[in-house]
Amino acid sequence: HIFVSSTEHQMLEAEECYISAVSSDGRVIEITKPLQYEHWGAGWTSEDGLYDMDGYRASVGLLTRNVVVQGDHTYSKAEQFGAQIVLSTESNTEDNPLKGMLSNVEVRLAGQGLK
């Protein structure tokens, strides 16, 4: 069970999928259904060639393991402003349908001081 982050400006293009097979060398996976969006995996170059971003690629995360959300060791304590988990929805109505449920998540060096 994995996620693939968006490589566009639309956070909703991040996708969750399930692995159905892994190659014998462990370098290639097959997923149960095609991804809905394009995700860069080998960098990006503009059409005119002026911009070359070799390191621009989607992140892939494993969702079947425990997750640690952690602020920076140096600045979180000094600035009293650590890691945050933000949930967002596109709804502009007062009846916000967003519901967040987290499990197996450890949060360290998080939140804001004096709040």
PDB file of N, CA and C in Angstrom:
ATOM      1  N   HIS A   1       0.866  -1.157   0.000  1.00  0.00           N
ATOM      2  CA  HIS A   1       0.000   0.000   0.000  1.00  0.00           C
ATOM      3  C   HIS A   1       0.918   1.225   0.000  1.00  0.00           C
ATOM      4  N   ILE A   2       0.828   2.064  -1.050  1.00  0.00           N
ATOM      5  CA  ILE A   2       1.728   3.204  -1.203  1.00  0.00           C
ATOM      6  C   ILE A   2       0.974   4.457  -1.616  1.00  0.00           C
ATOM      7  N   PHE A   3       1.667   5.607  -1.558  1.00  0.00           N
ATOM      8  CA  PHE A   3       1.148   6.829  -2.165  1.00  0.00           C
ATOM      9  C   PHE A   3       2.215   7.377  -3.093  1.00  0.00           C
ATOM     10  N   VAL A   4       1.764   8.120  -4.100  1.00  0.00           N
ATOM     11  CA  VAL A   4       2.648   8.810  -5.027  1.00  0.00           C
ATOM     12  C   VAL A   4       2.258  10.280  -4.961  1.00  0.00           C
ATOM     13  N   SER A   5       3.225  11.146  -4.625  1.00  0.00           N
ATOM     14  CA  SER A   5       2.911  12.565  -4.467  1.00  0.00           C
ATOM     15  C   SER A   5       2.682  13.231  -5.816  1.00  0.00           C
ATOM     16  N   SER A   6       2.016  14.360  -5.790  1.00  0.00           N
ATOM     17  CA  SER A   6       1.784  15.157  -6.992  1.00  0.00           C
ATOM     18  C   SER A   6       3.077  15.837  -7.407  1.00  0.00           C
ATOM     19  N   THR A   7       3.284  15.977  -8.708  1.00  0.00           N
ATOM     20  CA  THR A   7       4.418  16.776  -9.206  1.00  0.00           C
ATOM     21  C   THR A   7       3.897  18.045  -9.884  1.00  0.00           C
ATOM     22  N   GLU A   8       2.636  18.316  -9.716  1.00  0.00           N
ATOM     23  CA  GLU A   8       2.020  19.535 -10.234  1.00  0.00           C
ATOM     24  C   GLU A   8       1.657  20.433  -9.062  1.00  0.00           C
ATOM     25  N   HIS A   9       0.965  21.514  -9.332  1.00  0.00           N
ATOM     26  CA  HIS A   9       0.571  22.443  -8.274  1.00  0.00           C
ATOM     27  C   HIS A   9      -0.758  22.049  -7.631  1.00  0.00           C
ATOM     28  N   GLN A  10      -1.279  20.895  -7.986  1.00  0.00           N
ATOM     29  CA  GLN A  10      -2.545  20.420  -7.437  1.00  0.00           C
ATOM     30  C   GLN A  10      -2.276  19.310  -6.426  1.00  0.00           C
ATOM     31  N   MET A  11      -2.411  19.617  -5.140  1.00  0.00           N
ATOM     32  CA  MET A  11      -2.137  18.606  -4.111  1.00  0.00           C
ATOM     33  C   MET A  11      -3.082  17.412  -4.222  1.00  0.00           C
ATOM     34  N   LEU A  12      -4.242  17.618  -4.831  1.00  0.00           N
ATOM     35  CA  LEU A  12      -5.211  16.535  -4.957  1.00  0.00           C
ATOM     36  C   LEU A  12      -4.808  15.501  -6.005  1.00  0.00           C
ATOM     37  N   GLU A  13      -3.695  15.738  -6.703  1.00  0.00           N
ATOM     38  CA  GLU A  13      -3.195  14.761  -7.664  1.00  0.00           C
ATOM     39  C   GLU A  13      -2.289  13.717  -7.014  1.00  0.00           C
ATOM     40  N   ALA A  14      -2.109  13.799  -5.705  1.00  0.00           N
ATOM     41  CA  ALA A  14      -1.424  12.715  -4.993  1.00  0.00           C
ATOM     42  C   ALA A  14      -2.344  11.507  -5.033  1.00  0.00           C
ATOM     43  N   GLU A  15      -1.765  10.336  -5.195  1.00  0.00           N
ATOM     44  CA  GLU A  15      -2.596   9.145  -5.363  1.00  0.00           C
ATOM     45  C   GLU A  15      -2.173   8.019  -4.431  1.00  0.00           C
ATOM     46  N   GLU A  16      -3.144   7.252  -4.023  1.00  0.00           N
ATOM     47  CA  GLU A  16      -2.937   6.082  -3.180  1.00  0.00           C
ATOM     48  C   GLU A  16      -3.182   4.840  -4.031  1.00  0.00           C
ATOM     49  N   CYS A  17      -2.324   3.855  -3.910  1.00  0.00           N
ATOM     50  CA  CYS A  17      -2.521   2.633  -4.695  1.00  0.00           C
ATOM     51  C   CYS A  17      -1.951   1.425  -3.956  1.00  0.00           C
ATOM     52  N   TYR A  18      -2.229   0.256  -4.503  1.00  0.00           N
ATOM     53  CA  TYR A  18      -1.792  -0.996  -3.899  1.00  0.00           C
ATOM     54  C   TYR A  18      -0.844  -1.721  -4.846  1.00  0.00           C
ATOM     55  N   ILE A  19       0.186  -2.311  -4.289  1.00  0.00           N
ATOM     56  CA  ILE A  19       1.173  -3.058  -5.066  1.00  0.00           C
ATOM     57  C   ILE A  19       0.640  -4.472  -5.297  1.00  0.00           C
ATOM     58  N   SER A  20       0.683  -4.916  -6.566  1.00  0.00           N
ATOM     59  CA  SER A  20       0.224  -6.268  -6.876  1.00  0.00           C
ATOM     60  C   SER A  20       1.383  -7.219  -7.155  1.00  0.00           C
ATOM     61  N   ALA A  21       2.557  -6.685  -7.525  1.00  0.00           N
ATOM     62  CA  ALA A  21       3.714  -7.541  -7.793  1.00  0.00           C
ATOM     63  C   ALA A  21       4.995  -6.712  -7.664  1.00  0.00           C
ATOM     64  N   VAL A  22       6.080  -7.401  -7.345  1.00  0.00           N
ATOM     65  CA  VAL A  22       7.407  -6.791  -7.248  1.00  0.00           C
ATOM     66  C   VAL A  22       8.363  -7.643  -8.060  1.00  0.00           C
ATOM     67  N   SER A  23       9.227  -6.993  -8.871  1.00  0.00           N
ATOM     68  CA  SER A  23      10.186  -7.739  -9.683  1.00  0.00           C
ATOM     69  C   SER A  23      11.163  -8.495  -8.789  1.00  0.00           C
ATOM     70  N   SER A  24      11.830  -9.488  -9.351  1.00  0.00           N
ATOM     71  CA  SER A  24      12.740 -10.320  -8.560  1.00  0.00           C
ATOM     72  C   SER A  24      13.913  -9.525  -7.997  1.00  0.00           C
ATOM     73  N   ASP A  25      14.314  -8.441  -8.662  1.00  0.00           N
ATOM     74  CA  ASP A  25      15.414  -7.621  -8.136  1.00  0.00           C
ATOM     75  C   ASP A  25      14.915  -6.518  -7.197  1.00  0.00           C
ATOM     76  N   GLY A  26      13.571  -6.405  -7.014  1.00  0.00           N
ATOM     77  CA  GLY A  26      12.996  -5.433  -6.096  1.00  0.00           C
ATOM     78  C   GLY A  26      12.992  -4.006  -6.598  1.00  0.00           C
ATOM     79  N   ARG A  27      13.272  -3.775  -7.890  1.00  0.00           N
ATOM     80  CA  ARG A  27      13.376  -2.413  -8.417  1.00  0.00           C
ATOM     81  C   ARG A  27      12.138  -1.948  -9.184  1.00  0.00           C
ATOM     82  N   VAL A  28      11.248  -2.858  -9.536  1.00  0.00           N
ATOM     83  CA  VAL A  28      10.058  -2.515 -10.325  1.00  0.00           C
ATOM     84  C   VAL A  28       8.836  -3.097  -9.630  1.00  0.00           C
ATOM     85  N   ILE A  29       7.785  -2.264  -9.534  1.00  0.00           N
ATOM     86  CA  ILE A  29       6.534  -2.746  -8.947  1.00  0.00           C
ATOM     87  C   ILE A  29       5.421  -2.661  -9.982  1.00  0.00           C
ATOM     88  N   GLU A  30       4.409  -3.462  -9.778  1.00  0.00           N
ATOM     89  CA  GLU A  30       3.163  -3.348 -10.533  1.00  0.00           C
ATOM     90  C   GLU A  30       2.095  -2.953  -9.534  1.00  0.00           C
ATOM     91  N   ILE A  31       1.172  -2.076  -9.977  1.00  0.00           N
ATOM     92  CA  ILE A  31       0.088  -1.660  -9.100  1.00  0.00           C
ATOM     93  C   ILE A  31      -1.235  -2.185  -9.629  1.00  0.00           C
ATOM     94  N   THR A  32      -2.234  -2.216  -8.754  1.00  0.00           N
ATOM     95  CA  THR A  32      -3.502  -2.872  -9.089  1.00  0.00           C
ATOM     96  C   THR A  32      -4.324  -2.126 -10.126  1.00  0.00           C
ATOM     97  N   LYS A  33      -4.128  -0.807 -10.250  1.00  0.00           N
ATOM     98  CA  LYS A  33      -4.856  -0.049 -11.261  1.00  0.00           C
ATOM     99  C   LYS A  33      -3.977   1.114 -11.733  1.00  0.00           C
ATOM    100  N   PRO A  34      -4.198   1.610 -12.953  1.00  0.00           N
ATOM    101  CA  PRO A  34      -3.372   2.713 -13.466  1.00  0.00           C
ATOM    102  C   PRO A  34      -3.540   3.988 -12.634  1.00  0.00           C
ATOM    103  N   LEU A  35      -2.489   4.785 -12.558  1.00  0.00           N
ATOM    104  CA  LEU A  35      -2.570   6.084 -11.903  1.00  0.00           C
ATOM    105  C   LEU A  35      -3.436   7.015 -12.752  1.00  0.00           C
ATOM    106  N   GLN A  36      -4.159   7.908 -12.115  1.00  0.00           N
ATOM    107  CA  GLN A  36      -5.041   8.829 -12.835  1.00  0.00           C
ATOM    108  C   GLN A  36      -4.292  10.028 -13.386  1.00  0.00           C
ATOM    109  N   TYR A  37      -3.168  10.399 -12.757  1.00  0.00           N
ATOM    110  CA  TYR A  37      -2.444  11.607 -13.133  1.00  0.00           C
ATOM    111  C   TYR A  37      -1.014  11.265 -13.531  1.00  0.00           C
ATOM    112  N   GLU A  38      -0.391  12.190 -14.240  1.00  0.00           N
ATOM    113  CA  GLU A  38       1.005  12.031 -14.611  1.00  0.00           C
ATOM    114  C   GLU A  38       1.880  12.431 -13.420  1.00  0.00           C
ATOM    115  N   HIS A  39       2.899  11.620 -13.129  1.00  0.00           N
ATOM    116  CA  HIS A  39       3.825  11.893 -12.036  1.00  0.00           C
ATOM    117  C   HIS A  39       5.241  11.814 -12.600  1.00  0.00           C
ATOM    118  N   TRP A  40       5.993  12.898 -12.485  1.00  0.00           N
ATOM    119  CA  TRP A  40       7.368  12.924 -13.001  1.00  0.00           C
ATOM    120  C   TRP A  40       8.238  11.978 -12.199  1.00  0.00           C
ATOM    121  N   GLY A  41       9.106  11.236 -12.886  1.00  0.00           N
ATOM    122  CA  GLY A  41       9.980  10.299 -12.205  1.00  0.00           C
ATOM    123  C   GLY A  41      11.441  10.451 -12.559  1.00  0.00           C
ATOM    124  N   ALA A  42      11.742  11.225 -13.589  1.00  0.00           N
ATOM    125  CA  ALA A  42      13.143  11.334 -14.027  1.00  0.00           C
ATOM    126  C   ALA A  42      13.516  12.774 -14.312  1.00  0.00           C
ATOM    127  N   GLY A  43      12.978  13.703 -13.557  1.00  0.00           N
ATOM    128  CA  GLY A  43      13.305  15.110 -13.778  1.00  0.00           C
ATOM    129  C   GLY A  43      12.387  15.748 -14.801  1.00  0.00           C
ATOM    130  N   TRP A  44      12.676  17.026 -15.090  1.00  0.00           N
ATOM    131  CA  TRP A  44      11.834  17.792 -16.001  1.00  0.00           C
ATOM    132  C   TRP A  44      12.678  18.836 -16.721  1.00  0.00           C
ATOM    133  N   THR A  45      12.430  19.023 -18.005  1.00  0.00           N
ATOM    134  CA  THR A  45      13.086  20.067 -18.785  1.00  0.00           C
ATOM    135  C   THR A  45      12.001  20.838 -19.515  1.00  0.00           C
ATOM    136  N   SER A  46      12.077  22.188 -19.468  1.00  0.00           N
ATOM    137  CA  SER A  46      11.082  23.010 -20.158  1.00  0.00           C
ATOM    138  C   SER A  46      11.183  22.805 -21.667  1.00  0.00           C
ATOM    139  N   GLU A  47      10.102  23.101 -22.388  1.00  0.00           N
ATOM    140  CA  GLU A  47      10.063  22.900 -23.837  1.00  0.00           C
ATOM    141  C   GLU A  47      11.149  23.690 -24.563  1.00  0.00           C
ATOM    142  N   ASP A  48      11.479  24.884 -24.055  1.00  0.00           N
ATOM    143  CA  ASP A  48      12.512  25.687 -24.694  1.00  0.00           C
ATOM    144  C   ASP A  48      13.926  25.319 -24.240  1.00  0.00           C
ATOM    145  N   GLY A  49      14.042  24.379 -23.296  1.00  0.00           N
ATOM    146  CA  GLY A  49      15.339  23.917 -22.835  1.00  0.00           C
ATOM    147  C   GLY A  49      16.037  24.828 -21.836  1.00  0.00           C
ATOM    148  N   LEU A  50      15.394  25.937 -21.449  1.00  0.00           N
ATOM    149  CA  LEU A  50      16.032  26.881 -20.530  1.00  0.00           C
ATOM    150  C   LEU A  50      16.071  26.378 -19.091  1.00  0.00           C
ATOM    151  N   TYR A  51      15.113  25.560 -18.719  1.00  0.00           N
ATOM    152  CA  TYR A  51      15.035  25.072 -17.349  1.00  0.00           C
ATOM    153  C   TYR A  51      15.189  23.559 -17.330  1.00  0.00           C
ATOM    154  N   ASP A  52      16.151  23.100 -16.560  1.00  0.00           N
ATOM    155  CA  ASP A  52      16.410  21.676 -16.441  1.00  0.00           C
ATOM    156  C   ASP A  52      16.434  21.321 -14.963  1.00  0.00           C
ATOM    157  N   MET A  53      15.454  20.567 -14.528  1.00  0.00           N
ATOM    158  CA  MET A  53      15.330  20.203 -13.120  1.00  0.00           C
ATOM    159  C   MET A  53      15.497  18.697 -12.995  1.00  0.00           C
ATOM    160  N   ASP A  54      16.739  18.272 -12.890  1.00  0.00           N
ATOM    161  CA  ASP A  54      17.046  16.843 -12.867  1.00  0.00           C
ATOM    162  C   ASP A  54      16.452  16.132 -11.660  1.00  0.00           C
ATOM    163  N   GLY A  55      16.397  16.796 -10.521  1.00  0.00           N
ATOM    164  CA  GLY A  55      15.922  16.156  -9.305  1.00  0.00           C
ATOM    165  C   GLY A  55      14.432  16.271  -9.071  1.00  0.00           C
ATOM    166  N   TYR A  56      13.675  16.746 -10.057  1.00  0.00           N
ATOM    167  CA  TYR A  56      12.228  16.949  -9.885  1.00  0.00           C
ATOM    168  C   TYR A  56      11.500  15.647 -10.154  1.00  0.00           C
ATOM    169  N   ARG A  57      11.022  15.024  -9.098  1.00  0.00           N
ATOM    170  CA  ARG A  57      10.300  13.758  -9.261  1.00  0.00           C
ATOM    171  C   ARG A  57       9.344  13.559  -8.095  1.00  0.00           C
ATOM    172  N   ALA A  58       8.361  12.711  -8.307  1.00  0.00           N
ATOM    173  CA  ALA A  58       7.366  12.432  -7.267  1.00  0.00           C
ATOM    174  C   ALA A  58       7.987  11.636  -6.127  1.00  0.00           C
ATOM    175  N   SER A  59       7.490  11.873  -4.931  1.00  0.00           N
ATOM    176  CA  SER A  59       7.869  11.056  -3.779  1.00  0.00           C
ATOM    177  C   SER A  59       6.919   9.867  -3.709  1.00  0.00           C
ATOM    178  N   VAL A  60       7.429   8.756  -3.235  1.00  0.00           N
ATOM    179  CA  VAL A  60       6.611   7.561  -3.042  1.00  0.00           C
ATOM    180  C   VAL A  60       6.758   7.156  -1.583  1.00  0.00           C
ATOM    181  N   GLY A  61       5.637   6.934  -0.928  1.00  0.00           N
ATOM    182  CA  GLY A  61       5.670   6.564   0.486  1.00  0.00           C
ATOM    183  C   GLY A  61       4.965   5.257   0.743  1.00  0.00           C
ATOM    184  N   LEU A  62       5.493   4.515   1.678  1.00  0.00           N
ATOM    185  CA  LEU A  62       4.913   3.246   2.069  1.00  0.00           C
ATOM    186  C   LEU A  62       3.904   3.480   3.188  1.00  0.00           C
ATOM    187  N   LEU A  63       2.655   3.096   2.981  1.00  0.00           N
ATOM    188  CA  LEU A  63       1.592   3.367   3.940  1.00  0.00           C
ATOM    189  C   LEU A  63       1.291   2.208   4.876  1.00  0.00           C
ATOM    190  N   THR A  64       1.996   1.113   4.738  1.00  0.00           N
ATOM    191  CA  THR A  64       1.740  -0.027   5.606  1.00  0.00           C
ATOM    192  C   THR A  64       2.698  -0.069   6.790  1.00  0.00           C
ATOM    193  N   ARG A  65       3.399   0.994   7.032  1.00  0.00           N
ATOM    194  CA  ARG A  65       4.324   1.094   8.162  1.00  0.00           C
ATOM    195  C   ARG A  65       3.912   2.260   9.040  1.00  0.00           C
ATOM    196  N   ASN A  66       4.429   2.304  10.250  1.00  0.00           N
ATOM    197  CA  ASN A  66       4.184   3.445  11.120  1.00  0.00           C
ATOM    198  C   ASN A  66       4.840   4.687  10.521  1.00  0.00           C
ATOM    199  N   VAL A  67       4.230   5.827  10.757  1.00  0.00           N
ATOM    200  CA  VAL A  67       4.703   7.091  10.206  1.00  0.00           C
ATOM    201  C   VAL A  67       5.132   8.002  11.348  1.00  0.00           C
ATOM    202  N   VAL A  68       6.261   8.694  11.170  1.00  0.00           N
ATOM    203  CA  VAL A  68       6.725   9.686  12.140  1.00  0.00           C
ATOM    204  C   VAL A  68       6.694  11.040  11.454  1.00  0.00           C
ATOM    205  N   VAL A  69       5.972  11.989  12.043  1.00  0.00           N
ATOM    206  CA  VAL A  69       5.968  13.379  11.569  1.00  0.00           C
ATOM    207  C   VAL A  69       6.793  14.143  12.587  1.00  0.00           C
ATOM    208  N   GLN A  70       7.903  14.748  12.128  1.00  0.00           N
ATOM    209  CA  GLN A  70       8.845  15.335  13.075  1.00  0.00           C
ATOM    210  C   GLN A  70       9.337  16.683  12.584  1.00  0.00           C
ATOM    211  N   GLY A  71       9.396  17.640  13.495  1.00  0.00           N
ATOM    212  CA  GLY A  71       9.972  18.940  13.201  1.00  0.00           C
ATOM    213  C   GLY A  71      11.488  18.869  13.188  1.00  0.00           C
ATOM    214  N   ASP A  72      12.116  19.942  12.784  1.00  0.00           N
ATOM    215  CA  ASP A  72      13.568  20.054  12.714  1.00  0.00           C
ATOM    216  C   ASP A  72      14.164  20.095  14.127  1.00  0.00           C
ATOM    217  N   HIS A  73      15.218  19.321  14.371  1.00  0.00           N
ATOM    218  CA  HIS A  73      15.821  19.248  15.710  1.00  0.00           C
ATOM    219  C   HIS A  73      16.354  20.607  16.176  1.00  0.00           C
ATOM    220  N   THR A  74      16.947  21.373  15.294  1.00  0.00           N
ATOM    221  CA  THR A  74      17.561  22.639  15.686  1.00  0.00           C
ATOM    222  C   THR A  74      16.536  23.745  15.861  1.00  0.00           C
ATOM    223  N   TYR A  75      15.699  23.964  14.871  1.00  0.00           N
ATOM    224  CA  TYR A  75      14.830  25.140  14.863  1.00  0.00           C
ATOM    225  C   TYR A  75      13.488  24.953  15.568  1.00  0.00           C
ATOM    226  N   SER A  76      12.978  23.735  15.632  1.00  0.00           N
ATOM    227  CA  SER A  76      11.682  23.525  16.285  1.00  0.00           C
ATOM    228  C   SER A  76      11.707  23.964  17.742  1.00  0.00           C
ATOM    229  N   LYS A  77      12.757  23.618  18.464  1.00  0.00           N
ATOM    230  CA  LYS A  77      12.855  24.010  19.876  1.00  0.00           C
ATOM    231  C   LYS A  77      13.204  25.493  20.003  1.00  0.00           C
ATOM    232  N   ALA A  78      14.160  25.970  19.215  1.00  0.00           N
ATOM    233  CA  ALA A  78      14.597  27.359  19.321  1.00  0.00           C
ATOM    234  C   ALA A  78      13.485  28.334  18.925  1.00  0.00           C
ATOM    235  N   GLU A  79      12.753  28.032  17.878  1.00  0.00           N
ATOM    236  CA  GLU A  79      11.704  28.923  17.368  1.00  0.00           C
ATOM    237  C   GLU A  79      10.330  28.607  17.951  1.00  0.00           C
ATOM    238  N   GLN A  80      10.216  27.506  18.671  1.00  0.00           N
ATOM    239  CA  GLN A  80       8.950  27.031  19.230  1.00  0.00           C
ATOM    240  C   GLN A  80       7.865  26.906  18.159  1.00  0.00           C
ATOM    241  N   PHE A  81       8.266  26.383  17.028  1.00  0.00           N
ATOM    242  CA  PHE A  81       7.337  26.183  15.921  1.00  0.00           C
ATOM    243  C   PHE A  81       7.769  24.907  15.204  1.00  0.00           C
ATOM    244  N   GLY A  82       7.066  23.810  15.450  1.00  0.00           N
ATOM    245  CA  GLY A  82       7.496  22.523  14.925  1.00  0.00           C
ATOM    246  C   GLY A  82       6.627  22.009  13.797  1.00  0.00           C
ATOM    247  N   ALA A  83       6.672  20.702  13.623  1.00  0.00           N
ATOM    248  CA  ALA A  83       5.922  20.044  12.559  1.00  0.00           C
ATOM    249  C   ALA A  83       4.427  20.238  12.765  1.00  0.00           C
ATOM    250  N   GLN A  84       3.693  20.237  11.672  1.00  0.00           N
ATOM    251  CA  GLN A  84       2.239  20.342  11.730  1.00  0.00           C
ATOM    252  C   GLN A  84       1.636  19.363  10.736  1.00  0.00           C
ATOM    253  N   ILE A  85       0.490  18.861  11.053  1.00  0.00           N
ATOM    254  CA  ILE A  85      -0.286  18.049  10.124  1.00  0.00           C
ATOM    255  C   ILE A  85      -1.476  18.901   9.717  1.00  0.00           C
ATOM    256  N   VAL A  86      -1.609  19.174   8.433  1.00  0.00           N
ATOM    257  CA  VAL A  86      -2.670  20.045   7.938  1.00  0.00           C
ATOM    258  C   VAL A  86      -3.614  19.225   7.070  1.00  0.00           C
ATOM    259  N   LEU A  87      -4.891  19.283   7.387  1.00  0.00           N
ATOM    260  CA  LEU A  87      -5.923  18.647   6.578  1.00  0.00           C
ATOM    261  C   LEU A  87      -6.718  19.757   5.913  1.00  0.00           C
ATOM    262  N   SER A  88      -7.009  19.602   4.640  1.00  0.00           N
ATOM    263  CA  SER A  88      -7.666  20.667   3.892  1.00  0.00           C
ATOM    264  C   SER A  88      -8.708  20.085   2.959  1.00  0.00           C
ATOM    265  N   THR A  89      -9.697  20.897   2.644  1.00  0.00           N
ATOM    266  CA  THR A  89     -10.735  20.491   1.705  1.00  0.00           C
ATOM    267  C   THR A  89     -11.056  21.666   0.789  1.00  0.00           C
ATOM    268  N   GLU A  90     -11.660  21.386  -0.338  1.00  0.00           N
ATOM    269  CA  GLU A  90     -12.027  22.445  -1.271  1.00  0.00           C
ATOM    270  C   GLU A  90     -13.381  23.062  -0.949  1.00  0.00           C
ATOM    271  N   SER A  91     -14.053  22.565   0.063  1.00  0.00           N
ATOM    272  CA  SER A  91     -15.393  23.036   0.401  1.00  0.00           C
ATOM    273  C   SER A  91     -15.361  24.464   0.918  1.00  0.00           C
ATOM    274  N   ASN A  92     -16.257  25.297   0.415  1.00  0.00           N
ATOM    275  CA  ASN A  92     -16.392  26.671   0.886  1.00  0.00           C
ATOM    276  C   ASN A  92     -17.663  26.865   1.707  1.00  0.00           C
ATOM    277  N   THR A  93     -18.327  25.771   2.020  1.00  0.00           N
ATOM    278  CA  THR A  93     -19.565  25.862   2.787  1.00  0.00           C
ATOM    279  C   THR A  93     -19.265  25.697   4.270  1.00  0.00           C
ATOM    280  N   GLU A  94     -20.215  26.068   5.097  1.00  0.00           N
ATOM    281  CA  GLU A  94     -20.037  25.899   6.533  1.00  0.00           C
ATOM    282  C   GLU A  94     -20.090  24.430   6.934  1.00  0.00           C
ATOM    283  N   ASP A  95     -20.747  23.612   6.137  1.00  0.00           N
ATOM    284  CA  ASP A  95     -20.824  22.180   6.412  1.00  0.00           C
ATOM    285  C   ASP A  95     -19.612  21.505   5.780  1.00  0.00           C
ATOM    286  N   ASN A  96     -18.485  21.579   6.462  1.00  0.00           N
ATOM    287  CA  ASN A  96     -17.229  21.055   5.937  1.00  0.00           C
ATOM    288  C   ASN A  96     -17.200  19.536   6.057  1.00  0.00           C
ATOM    289  N   PRO A  97     -17.102  18.801   4.939  1.00  0.00           N
ATOM    290  CA  PRO A  97     -17.174  17.345   4.980  1.00  0.00           C
ATOM    291  C   PRO A  97     -15.865  16.659   5.353  1.00  0.00           C
ATOM    292  N   LEU A  98     -14.828  17.402   5.645  1.00  0.00           N
ATOM    293  CA  LEU A  98     -13.520  16.806   5.920  1.00  0.00           C
ATOM    294  C   LEU A  98     -13.507  16.075   7.264  1.00  0.00           C
ATOM    295  N   LYS A  99     -12.951  14.882   7.247  1.00  0.00           N
ATOM    296  CA  LYS A  99     -12.785  14.111   8.475  1.00  0.00           C
ATOM    297  C   LYS A  99     -11.393  13.491   8.416  1.00  0.00           C
ATOM    298  N   GLY A 100     -10.592  13.695   9.445  1.00  0.00           N
ATOM    299  CA  GLY A 100      -9.242  13.137   9.477  1.00  0.00           C
ATOM    300  C   GLY A 100      -9.148  12.031  10.509  1.00  0.00           C
ATOM    301  N   MET A 101      -8.624  10.892  10.083  1.00  0.00           N
ATOM    302  CA  MET A 101      -8.431   9.770  11.000  1.00  0.00           C
ATOM    303  C   MET A 101      -7.000   9.283  10.808  1.00  0.00           C
ATOM    304  N   LEU A 102      -6.214   9.361  11.861  1.00  0.00           N
ATOM    305  CA  LEU A 102      -4.820   8.950  11.795  1.00  0.00           C
ATOM    306  C   LEU A 102      -4.597   7.797  12.763  1.00  0.00           C
ATOM    307  N   SER A 103      -3.810   6.832  12.345  1.00  0.00           N
ATOM    308  CA  SER A 103      -3.431   5.753  13.253  1.00  0.00           C
ATOM    309  C   SER A 103      -1.977   5.389  12.977  1.00  0.00           C
ATOM    310  N   ASN A 104      -1.320   4.865  13.976  1.00  0.00           N
ATOM    311  CA  ASN A 104       0.089   4.495  13.871  1.00  0.00           C
ATOM    312  C   ASN A 104       0.958   5.677  13.440  1.00  0.00           C
ATOM    313  N   VAL A 105       0.643   6.859  13.948  1.00  0.00           N
ATOM    314  CA  VAL A 105       1.407   8.071  13.649  1.00  0.00           C
ATOM    315  C   VAL A 105       2.029   8.586  14.938  1.00  0.00           C
ATOM    316  N   GLU A 106       3.324   8.815  14.890  1.00  0.00           N
ATOM    317  CA  GLU A 106       4.026   9.412  16.022  1.00  0.00           C
ATOM    318  C   GLU A 106       4.412  10.825  15.617  1.00  0.00           C
ATOM    319  N   VAL A 107       4.100  11.792  16.461  1.00  0.00           N
ATOM    320  CA  VAL A 107       4.398  13.198  16.167  1.00  0.00           C
ATOM    321  C   VAL A 107       5.427  13.683  17.177  1.00  0.00           C
ATOM    322  N   ARG A 108       6.543  14.221  16.672  1.00  0.00           N
ATOM    323  CA  ARG A 108       7.630  14.719  17.537  1.00  0.00           C
ATOM    324  C   ARG A 108       7.967  16.147  17.162  1.00  0.00           C
ATOM    325  N   LEU A 109       8.390  16.922  18.144  1.00  0.00           N
ATOM    326  CA  LEU A 109       8.824  18.310  17.906  1.00  0.00           C
ATOM    327  C   LEU A 109       7.777  19.040  17.074  1.00  0.00           C
ATOM    328  N   ALA A 110       6.562  19.104  17.587  1.00  0.00           N
ATOM    329  CA  ALA A 110       5.452  19.631  16.807  1.00  0.00           C
ATOM    330  C   ALA A 110       4.717  20.745  17.544  1.00  0.00           C
ATOM    331  N   GLY A 111       3.878  21.456  16.798  1.00  0.00           N
ATOM    332  CA  GLY A 111       3.020  22.488  17.364  1.00  0.00           C
ATOM    333  C   GLY A 111       3.719  23.826  17.520  1.00  0.00           C
ATOM    334  N   GLN A 112       3.079  24.718  18.256  1.00  0.00           N
ATOM    335  CA  GLN A 112       3.587  26.071  18.480  1.00  0.00           C
ATOM    336  C   GLN A 112       3.679  26.341  19.968  1.00  0.00           C
ATOM    337  N   GLY A 113       4.763  26.983  20.368  1.00  0.00           N
ATOM    338  CA  GLY A 113       4.921  27.361  21.766  1.00  0.00           C
ATOM    339  C   GLY A 113       3.971  28.489  22.140  1.00  0.00           C
ATOM    340  N   LEU A 114       3.633  28.586  23.406  1.00  0.00           N
ATOM    341  CA  LEU A 114       2.811  29.647  23.936  1.00  0.00           C
ATOM    342  C   LEU A 114       1.395  29.662  23.366  1.00  0.00           C
ATOM    343  N   LYS A 115       0.909  28.540  22.891  1.00  0.00           N
ATOM    344  CA  LYS A 115      -0.459  28.455  22.364  1.00  0.00           C
ATOM    345  C   LYS A 115      -1.310  27.658  23.302  1.00  0.00           C
TER     346      LYS A 115
END
